[in-house]
């Protein structure tokens, strides 16, 4: 399991002071980028800008269990639910103050940028991802 924390900032919140739900999608992407760098050992900027490949999210299923407010720290736990030939499904759970706040399932597809077609995940990247497989 990969773990990363984020502090809820004013910029994440709606006027009532809780996280505005689409801002969670930005937080999810930040955690995925951090996982790629720290967990997989992949320079994310290099991967996206120079390799000719990307891992766009093509499906997100999300459930919000409890509100998160300005100043709360959310600890995200990321694991690989499923690893296909060209896709990976990630489980992302966010907790704060001992309470589950949000759970998401993120389907990402290894894609060639030039024609936006799915391509098999390279063996080295696949092996790195498997280290985070959920039992």
C-alpha atoms as a PDB file:
ATOM      1  CA  UNK A   1       0.000   0.000   0.000  1.00  0.00           C
ATOM      2  CA  UNK A   2       1.311   3.443  -0.904  1.00  0.00           C
ATOM      3  CA  UNK A   3       0.469   6.178   1.614  1.00  0.00           C
ATOM      4  CA  UNK A   4       0.410   9.938   0.998  1.00  0.00           C
ATOM      5  CA  UNK A   5      -1.099  12.768   3.016  1.00  0.00           C
ATOM      6  CA  UNK A   6      -2.657  16.029   1.949  1.00  0.00           C
ATOM      7  CA  UNK A   7      -3.868  18.989   3.989  1.00  0.00           C
ATOM      8  CA  UNK A   8      -7.225  20.401   2.940  1.00  0.00           C
ATOM      9  CA  UNK A   9      -6.690  23.988   1.831  1.00  0.00           C
ATOM     10  CA  UNK A  10      -9.169  26.795   1.260  1.00  0.00           C
ATOM     11  CA  UNK A  11      -8.702  26.260  -2.485  1.00  0.00           C
ATOM     12  CA  UNK A  12     -10.177  22.754  -2.145  1.00  0.00           C
ATOM     13  CA  UNK A  13     -13.388  23.911  -0.454  1.00  0.00           C
ATOM     14  CA  UNK A  14     -16.787  25.267  -1.338  1.00  0.00           C
ATOM     15  CA  UNK A  15     -18.320  28.236   0.556  1.00  0.00           C
ATOM     16  CA  UNK A  16     -19.486  25.921   3.372  1.00  0.00           C
ATOM     17  CA  UNK A  17     -15.838  25.045   4.111  1.00  0.00           C
ATOM     18  CA  UNK A  18     -15.889  21.398   3.035  1.00  0.00           C
ATOM     19  CA  UNK A  19     -14.009  19.822   0.146  1.00  0.00           C
ATOM     20  CA  UNK A  20     -15.858  20.553  -3.094  1.00  0.00           C
ATOM     21  CA  UNK A  21     -16.188  17.089  -4.615  1.00  0.00           C
ATOM     22  CA  UNK A  22     -14.413  17.752  -7.970  1.00  0.00           C
ATOM     23  CA  UNK A  23     -11.389  18.979  -6.015  1.00  0.00           C
ATOM     24  CA  UNK A  24     -10.992  15.426  -4.727  1.00  0.00           C
ATOM     25  CA  UNK A  25     -10.219  14.411  -8.329  1.00  0.00           C
ATOM     26  CA  UNK A  26      -7.277  16.825  -8.306  1.00  0.00           C
ATOM     27  CA  UNK A  27      -6.097  15.374  -4.997  1.00  0.00           C
ATOM     28  CA  UNK A  28      -6.395  11.850  -6.444  1.00  0.00           C
ATOM     29  CA  UNK A  29      -4.211  12.829  -9.383  1.00  0.00           C
ATOM     30  CA  UNK A  30      -1.607  14.405  -7.073  1.00  0.00           C
ATOM     31  CA  UNK A  31      -1.441  11.168  -5.076  1.00  0.00           C
ATOM     32  CA  UNK A  32      -1.106   9.082  -8.270  1.00  0.00           C
ATOM     33  CA  UNK A  33       1.740  11.322  -9.468  1.00  0.00           C
ATOM     34  CA  UNK A  34       3.468  10.967  -6.087  1.00  0.00           C
ATOM     35  CA  UNK A  35       2.993   7.173  -6.231  1.00  0.00           C
ATOM     36  CA  UNK A  36       4.599   7.037  -9.656  1.00  0.00           C
ATOM     37  CA  UNK A  37       7.617   9.044  -8.484  1.00  0.00           C
ATOM     38  CA  UNK A  38       8.105   7.649  -4.977  1.00  0.00           C
ATOM     39  CA  UNK A  39       6.469   4.232  -5.258  1.00  0.00           C
ATOM     40  CA  UNK A  40       7.278   3.203  -8.822  1.00  0.00           C
ATOM     41  CA  UNK A  41      10.493   5.165  -9.329  1.00  0.00           C
ATOM     42  CA  UNK A  42       9.137   6.789 -12.502  1.00  0.00           C
ATOM     43  CA  UNK A  43       9.834  10.459 -13.178  1.00  0.00           C
ATOM     44  CA  UNK A  44       6.236  11.468 -13.872  1.00  0.00           C
ATOM     45  CA  UNK A  45       7.080  14.621 -15.834  1.00  0.00           C
ATOM     46  CA  UNK A  46       9.526  12.685 -18.009  1.00  0.00           C
ATOM     47  CA  UNK A  47       6.987   9.892 -18.482  1.00  0.00           C
ATOM     48  CA  UNK A  48       4.284  12.279 -19.685  1.00  0.00           C
ATOM     49  CA  UNK A  49       6.377  14.841 -21.555  1.00  0.00           C
ATOM     50  CA  UNK A  50       9.145  12.753 -23.146  1.00  0.00           C
ATOM     51  CA  UNK A  51       8.212   9.077 -23.322  1.00  0.00           C
ATOM     52  CA  UNK A  52       5.286   9.483 -25.702  1.00  0.00           C
ATOM     53  CA  UNK A  53       2.997   7.676 -23.272  1.00  0.00           C
ATOM     54  CA  UNK A  54       0.500   8.651 -20.635  1.00  0.00           C
ATOM     55  CA  UNK A  55      -1.771   6.997 -18.060  1.00  0.00           C
ATOM     56  CA  UNK A  56      -5.033   8.934 -18.295  1.00  0.00           C
ATOM     57  CA  UNK A  57      -7.904   8.113 -15.983  1.00  0.00           C
ATOM     58  CA  UNK A  58     -10.766   6.820 -18.108  1.00  0.00           C
ATOM     59  CA  UNK A  59     -13.197   5.847 -15.350  1.00  0.00           C
ATOM     60  CA  UNK A  60     -13.567   7.025 -11.779  1.00  0.00           C
ATOM     61  CA  UNK A  61     -16.010   5.587  -9.279  1.00  0.00           C
ATOM     62  CA  UNK A  62     -16.148   7.545  -6.075  1.00  0.00           C
ATOM     63  CA  UNK A  63     -18.012   7.510  -2.786  1.00  0.00           C
ATOM     64  CA  UNK A  64     -17.899  10.283  -0.210  1.00  0.00           C
ATOM     65  CA  UNK A  65     -18.369   8.952   3.317  1.00  0.00           C
ATOM     66  CA  UNK A  66     -17.826  12.042   5.437  1.00  0.00           C
ATOM     67  CA  UNK A  67     -16.978  15.705   4.845  1.00  0.00           C
ATOM     68  CA  UNK A  68     -13.433  17.015   5.052  1.00  0.00           C
ATOM     69  CA  UNK A  69     -12.906  20.601   6.154  1.00  0.00           C
ATOM     70  CA  UNK A  70     -10.247  23.269   5.783  1.00  0.00           C
ATOM     71  CA  UNK A  71      -7.199  22.264   7.823  1.00  0.00           C
ATOM     72  CA  UNK A  72      -8.023  18.553   7.951  1.00  0.00           C
ATOM     73  CA  UNK A  73      -5.247  16.164   7.027  1.00  0.00           C
ATOM     74  CA  UNK A  74      -6.352  13.368   4.723  1.00  0.00           C
ATOM     75  CA  UNK A  75      -4.179  10.279   4.494  1.00  0.00           C
ATOM     76  CA  UNK A  76      -4.640   8.442   1.211  1.00  0.00           C
ATOM     77  CA  UNK A  77      -3.893   4.743   0.806  1.00  0.00           C
ATOM     78  CA  UNK A  78      -3.340   3.577  -2.760  1.00  0.00           C
ATOM     79  CA  UNK A  79      -3.237  -0.015  -3.954  1.00  0.00           C
ATOM     80  CA  UNK A  80      -3.501  -1.835  -7.272  1.00  0.00           C
ATOM     81  CA  UNK A  81      -6.892  -3.594  -7.525  1.00  0.00           C
ATOM     82  CA  UNK A  82      -6.356  -5.028 -10.995  1.00  0.00           C
ATOM     83  CA  UNK A  83      -3.562  -4.995 -13.539  1.00  0.00           C
ATOM     84  CA  UNK A  84      -4.534  -5.744 -17.129  1.00  0.00           C
ATOM     85  CA  UNK A  85      -2.511  -5.775 -20.335  1.00  0.00           C
ATOM     86  CA  UNK A  86      -2.825  -2.016 -20.894  1.00  0.00           C
ATOM     87  CA  UNK A  87      -4.852  -0.872 -17.902  1.00  0.00           C
ATOM     88  CA  UNK A  88      -4.535  -0.595 -14.154  1.00  0.00           C
ATOM     89  CA  UNK A  89      -7.310  -0.094 -11.623  1.00  0.00           C
ATOM     90  CA  UNK A  90      -6.263   1.680  -8.447  1.00  0.00           C
ATOM     91  CA  UNK A  91      -8.059   1.747  -5.120  1.00  0.00           C
ATOM     92  CA  UNK A  92      -7.682   5.027  -3.290  1.00  0.00           C
ATOM     93  CA  UNK A  93      -9.023   5.500   0.245  1.00  0.00           C
ATOM     94  CA  UNK A  94      -8.812   8.749   2.159  1.00  0.00           C
ATOM     95  CA  UNK A  95      -8.977   8.881   5.973  1.00  0.00           C
ATOM     96  CA  UNK A  96      -8.956  11.783   8.394  1.00  0.00           C
ATOM     97  CA  UNK A  97      -9.160  11.757  12.190  1.00  0.00           C
ATOM     98  CA  UNK A  98      -9.730   7.984  12.177  1.00  0.00           C
ATOM     99  CA  UNK A  99     -12.690   8.243   9.833  1.00  0.00           C
ATOM    100  CA  UNK A 100     -12.936   7.159   6.200  1.00  0.00           C
ATOM    101  CA  UNK A 101     -13.761  10.241   4.149  1.00  0.00           C
ATOM    102  CA  UNK A 102     -13.607   9.083   0.536  1.00  0.00           C
ATOM    103  CA  UNK A 103     -13.060   5.948  -1.522  1.00  0.00           C
ATOM    104  CA  UNK A 104     -12.356   5.865  -5.244  1.00  0.00           C
ATOM    105  CA  UNK A 105     -11.612   3.289  -7.898  1.00  0.00           C
ATOM    106  CA  UNK A 106      -9.505   4.753 -10.712  1.00  0.00           C
ATOM    107  CA  UNK A 107      -9.196   2.989 -14.069  1.00  0.00           C
ATOM    108  CA  UNK A 108      -6.127   4.199 -15.956  1.00  0.00           C
ATOM    109  CA  UNK A 109      -5.014   3.124 -19.434  1.00  0.00           C
ATOM    110  CA  UNK A 110      -1.430   3.121 -20.706  1.00  0.00           C
ATOM    111  CA  UNK A 111      -1.845   5.219 -23.845  1.00  0.00           C
ATOM    112  CA  UNK A 112       0.372   6.265 -26.750  1.00  0.00           C
ATOM    113  CA  UNK A 113       0.043  10.044 -26.923  1.00  0.00           C
ATOM    114  CA  UNK A 114       0.561  10.222 -30.720  1.00  0.00           C
ATOM    115  CA  UNK A 115      -2.660   8.387 -31.571  1.00  0.00           C
ATOM    116  CA  UNK A 116      -4.346   8.037 -28.158  1.00  0.00           C
ATOM    117  CA  UNK A 117      -4.471   4.254 -28.437  1.00  0.00           C
ATOM    118  CA  UNK A 118      -4.054   1.810 -25.585  1.00  0.00           C
ATOM    119  CA  UNK A 119      -0.637   0.140 -25.484  1.00  0.00           C
ATOM    120  CA  UNK A 120       0.597  -2.717 -23.277  1.00  0.00           C
ATOM    121  CA  UNK A 121       2.106  -1.576 -19.993  1.00  0.00           C
ATOM    122  CA  UNK A 122       5.901  -2.077 -20.233  1.00  0.00           C
ATOM    123  CA  UNK A 123       7.255  -4.985 -18.182  1.00  0.00           C
ATOM    124  CA  UNK A 124       9.348  -2.808 -15.824  1.00  0.00           C
ATOM    125  CA  UNK A 125       6.367  -0.564 -15.040  1.00  0.00           C
ATOM    126  CA  UNK A 126       4.107  -3.606 -14.609  1.00  0.00           C
ATOM    127  CA  UNK A 127       6.537  -5.193 -12.144  1.00  0.00           C
ATOM    128  CA  UNK A 128       6.745  -1.955 -10.143  1.00  0.00           C
ATOM    129  CA  UNK A 129       2.938  -1.711 -10.020  1.00  0.00           C
ATOM    130  CA  UNK A 130       2.586  -5.311  -8.851  1.00  0.00           C
ATOM    131  CA  UNK A 131       4.467  -4.407  -5.654  1.00  0.00           C
ATOM    132  CA  UNK A 132       1.328  -2.482  -4.657  1.00  0.00           C
ATOM    133  CA  UNK A 133      -1.186  -5.225  -5.552  1.00  0.00           C
ATOM    134  CA  UNK A 134      -3.989  -5.670  -3.038  1.00  0.00           C
ATOM    135  CA  UNK A 135      -4.430  -9.252  -1.841  1.00  0.00           C
END
